[in-house]
């Protein structure tokens, strides 16, 4: 599976499930992606909100815990991520944690409508990591979709 496959599925989810509420399409996307993910033990589903795409990998993890693993070999993992983002390799070629991260950002976050954050936030961060000027843990501060609902709303003031 390539990045473009995940991204395309995320765009379709956003248009047909998130916006239109078409749960027949949702179920097809889930079945197709789970079949394509095969032996990677990464599963796609929906959250308690029927339109919300969810990536399951056995145990719940947040961006901070996922980002801690690639920091062990930050620059090499950034290069691998860039290679996947450029459709230069298969998802199965990546280390486990990068597989999780790629399915989350290219499918689920795109499905939630955050596709533009790839170009504007995530790719610049990964480029900085690749050049040794940042670390994966910065996902939490430099990639907006990594914020939890509570974190995202803490500065919101109802007028």
Protein backbone atom coordinates (compact mmCIF):
# COMPACT_ATOMS: atom_id res chain seq x y z
CA UNK A 1 0.00 0.00 0.00
CA UNK A 2 1.30 3.42 -1.00
CA UNK A 3 0.73 6.86 0.50
CA UNK A 4 -1.50 7.80 -2.42
CA UNK A 5 -3.80 4.85 -1.60
CA UNK A 6 -4.23 6.03 1.99
CA UNK A 7 -4.65 9.66 0.97
CA UNK A 8 -7.22 8.83 -1.70
CA UNK A 9 -9.21 6.76 0.82
CA UNK A 10 -9.02 9.64 3.29
CA UNK A 11 -10.28 12.14 0.71
CA UNK A 12 -13.14 9.82 -0.19
CA UNK A 13 -13.98 9.35 3.50
CA UNK A 14 -14.03 13.11 4.00
CA UNK A 15 -16.30 13.75 1.03
CA UNK A 16 -18.62 10.78 1.22
CA UNK A 17 -18.71 9.88 4.93
CA UNK A 18 -17.74 12.97 6.96
CA UNK A 19 -19.66 15.45 4.80
CA UNK A 20 -22.43 13.34 3.20
CA UNK A 21 -22.92 10.80 6.00
CA UNK A 22 -22.85 7.84 3.60
CA UNK A 23 -22.21 4.86 5.88
CA UNK A 24 -22.42 2.33 3.06
CA UNK A 25 -19.35 3.98 1.55
CA UNK A 26 -17.77 4.11 5.02
CA UNK A 27 -18.16 0.37 5.44
CA UNK A 28 -16.69 -0.28 1.98
CA UNK A 29 -13.67 1.94 2.69
CA UNK A 30 -13.13 0.18 6.02
CA UNK A 31 -13.34 -3.27 4.41
CA UNK A 32 -11.08 -2.32 1.49
CA UNK A 33 -8.40 -0.73 3.67
CA UNK A 34 -8.42 -3.55 6.21
CA UNK A 35 -8.00 -6.06 3.39
CA UNK A 36 -5.15 -4.03 1.89
CA UNK A 37 -3.44 -3.62 5.27
CA UNK A 38 -3.39 -7.40 5.53
CA UNK A 39 -0.83 -8.68 7.98
CA UNK A 40 0.21 -5.33 9.42
CA UNK A 41 -2.20 -5.65 12.38
CA UNK A 42 -3.38 -2.09 11.80
CA UNK A 43 -7.15 -1.90 11.57
CA UNK A 44 -9.43 0.83 10.31
CA UNK A 45 -12.83 1.44 11.84
CA UNK A 46 -15.10 4.24 12.93
CA UNK A 47 -15.32 5.91 16.29
CA UNK A 48 -18.31 6.43 18.52
CA UNK A 49 -19.24 9.15 16.05
CA UNK A 50 -20.14 7.14 12.97
CA UNK A 51 -18.37 9.53 10.59
CA UNK A 52 -15.06 9.57 12.48
CA UNK A 53 -12.28 7.42 10.97
CA UNK A 54 -10.27 5.54 13.59
CA UNK A 55 -6.99 3.65 13.33
CA UNK A 56 -6.57 0.80 15.79
CA UNK A 57 -3.28 -0.87 16.54
CA UNK A 58 -4.12 -2.91 19.60
CA UNK A 59 -3.63 -0.33 22.30
CA UNK A 60 -4.71 3.30 22.29
CA UNK A 61 -1.83 5.68 21.64
CA UNK A 62 -1.60 9.40 21.17
CA UNK A 63 0.75 11.43 19.01
CA UNK A 64 3.20 11.97 21.85
CA UNK A 65 3.65 8.26 22.48
CA UNK A 66 3.81 7.45 18.77
CA UNK A 67 6.36 10.21 18.15
CA UNK A 68 8.64 8.95 20.92
CA UNK A 69 9.62 5.87 18.92
CA UNK A 70 10.86 7.52 15.69
CA UNK A 71 12.97 9.93 17.77
CA UNK A 72 15.31 7.01 18.50
CA UNK A 73 16.59 7.28 14.92
CA UNK A 74 14.97 10.59 14.02
CA UNK A 75 16.75 11.55 10.81
CA UNK A 76 16.58 8.10 9.24
CA UNK A 77 12.90 7.74 10.16
CA UNK A 78 12.21 11.17 8.66
CA UNK A 79 13.88 10.05 5.43
CA UNK A 80 11.73 6.90 5.41
CA UNK A 81 8.60 8.98 6.02
CA UNK A 82 9.52 11.31 3.15
CA UNK A 83 10.10 8.31 0.89
CA UNK A 84 6.66 6.98 1.73
CA UNK A 85 5.06 10.42 1.31
CA UNK A 86 6.59 10.57 -2.18
CA UNK A 87 5.10 7.14 -3.02
CA UNK A 88 8.64 5.79 -3.14
CA UNK A 89 8.03 2.78 -0.92
CA UNK A 90 5.31 0.56 0.47
CA UNK A 91 3.77 0.97 3.91
CA UNK A 92 5.07 -2.49 4.79
CA UNK A 93 8.65 -1.25 4.18
CA UNK A 94 8.41 1.15 7.13
CA UNK A 95 9.13 0.46 10.81
CA UNK A 96 6.02 -0.33 12.83
CA UNK A 97 5.61 3.08 14.45
CA UNK A 98 5.95 4.89 11.12
CA UNK A 99 3.32 2.55 9.68
CA UNK A 100 0.93 3.65 12.43
CA UNK A 101 1.76 7.30 11.95
CA UNK A 102 1.36 7.14 8.17
CA UNK A 103 -2.04 5.46 8.33
CA UNK A 104 -3.18 8.03 10.87
CA UNK A 105 -1.99 11.13 9.03
CA UNK A 106 -2.55 10.10 5.41
CA UNK A 107 -5.88 8.35 5.92
CA UNK A 108 -7.60 9.28 9.19
CA UNK A 109 -6.58 12.92 9.49
CA UNK A 110 -7.27 13.45 5.79
CA UNK A 111 -10.65 11.79 6.33
CA UNK A 112 -11.33 14.27 9.11
CA UNK A 113 -10.54 17.16 6.78
CA UNK A 114 -6.95 17.88 7.80
CA UNK A 115 -5.35 17.00 4.46
CA UNK A 116 -4.03 20.53 4.02
CA UNK A 117 -2.03 20.14 7.23
CA UNK A 118 0.27 17.70 5.46
CA UNK A 119 1.75 20.35 3.17
CA UNK A 120 1.55 23.28 5.53
CA UNK A 121 2.64 21.68 8.81
CA UNK A 122 3.73 18.05 8.69
CA UNK A 123 6.04 18.05 5.67
CA UNK A 124 8.01 21.09 6.91
CA UNK A 125 8.39 19.44 10.32
CA UNK A 126 9.60 16.17 8.82
CA UNK A 127 12.04 18.11 6.63
CA UNK A 128 13.40 19.81 9.75
CA UNK A 129 13.74 16.44 11.48
CA UNK A 130 15.54 15.03 8.44
CA UNK A 131 18.04 17.89 8.53
CA UNK A 132 18.60 17.46 12.27
CA UNK A 133 16.86 20.71 13.26
CA UNK A 134 13.87 19.23 15.10
CA UNK A 135 12.54 16.03 16.66
CA UNK A 136 9.45 13.87 16.18
CA UNK A 137 8.11 14.91 19.58
CA UNK A 138 7.41 18.31 18.00
CA UNK A 139 4.40 16.75 16.28
CA UNK A 140 2.43 17.89 19.30
CA UNK A 141 3.28 21.55 18.76
CA UNK A 142 3.73 21.76 14.99
CA UNK A 143 0.96 19.53 13.59
CA UNK A 144 -2.50 20.84 14.45
CA UNK A 145 -4.39 17.53 14.09
CA UNK A 146 -2.33 16.12 16.95
CA UNK A 147 -4.21 18.30 19.43
CA UNK A 148 -6.87 16.61 21.48
CA UNK A 149 -10.34 18.12 21.62
CA UNK A 150 -9.61 19.53 25.07
CA UNK A 151 -6.28 21.03 23.99
CA UNK A 152 -7.81 22.50 20.86
CA UNK A 153 -10.59 24.20 22.80
CA UNK A 154 -8.69 25.45 25.85
CA UNK A 155 -8.09 28.88 24.30
CA UNK A 156 -11.59 29.16 22.88
CA UNK A 157 -13.62 31.89 24.55
CA UNK A 158 -17.36 31.88 24.02
CA UNK A 159 -18.59 35.40 23.41
